Amino acid sequence: MNFRTPVALATTALFALTLTQSSPAASTNSGLQSFRTQLALRVKPGSGLGSVRVASALLGRYTRLSPTQAARYASLARAFSRRAARQNQLGSAMAILIRGLSVNYFKGVGNYNPKDPSFVRALNVLLSSIPPGENTLPLRNQISNQLIQINAVNGGTEEDAQFLVNIVDNSGPSPVS
């Protein structure tokens, strides 16, 4: 039997995912390996923003399972999304990933605290990948608005919203003027 076929790889990945979901004591490395396998199966180079949305959904699912590893998951999702997105889509790809991370992170933690160091690290991993360019400012505004909406849905305060906006404004490359 050929174990390198897509069906065999998908079956193996689903089995690994089942193990990591059912075992609370599953090691971090097996979760990261399972996440990497899922990304490799579903996010193909040059496939565009559709694949980035798939990576965002996977990022959300795995972040919900293990919020403390969010920065590692975000780093892997960023790497695969960079390959999937076209050069002029990198900023939009990061915005999609940030939304997936932000929506699902606090579901895994159980309480809303945007100042959580694990969340801030993961957010900074993705924000640092926004390419510099003329469209950086509108993109950062879009990401800030997304985070403000997520803050409102989760019952965050105005101070929390301002904290999130400051993270977006102060991280990543500076806008090119």
Foldseek 3Di string as FASTA:
>chain_A
DDCPDLVNLVVVLVVLVVVLQVDLPDDPVSLLVSLLSVLVSQQDFQQALVSLLVLLQSLLVSCLSPVLCSQVSLLSSLVSLVRHHDPVCSLVSLLSNLLSCLLRNCNSVVADDCVPVSNLNNNLSSLQRRDADQCLVVSLVVSLVSNLVSCVVRPHDPVSSVVSSVSSCPGHDDHDD
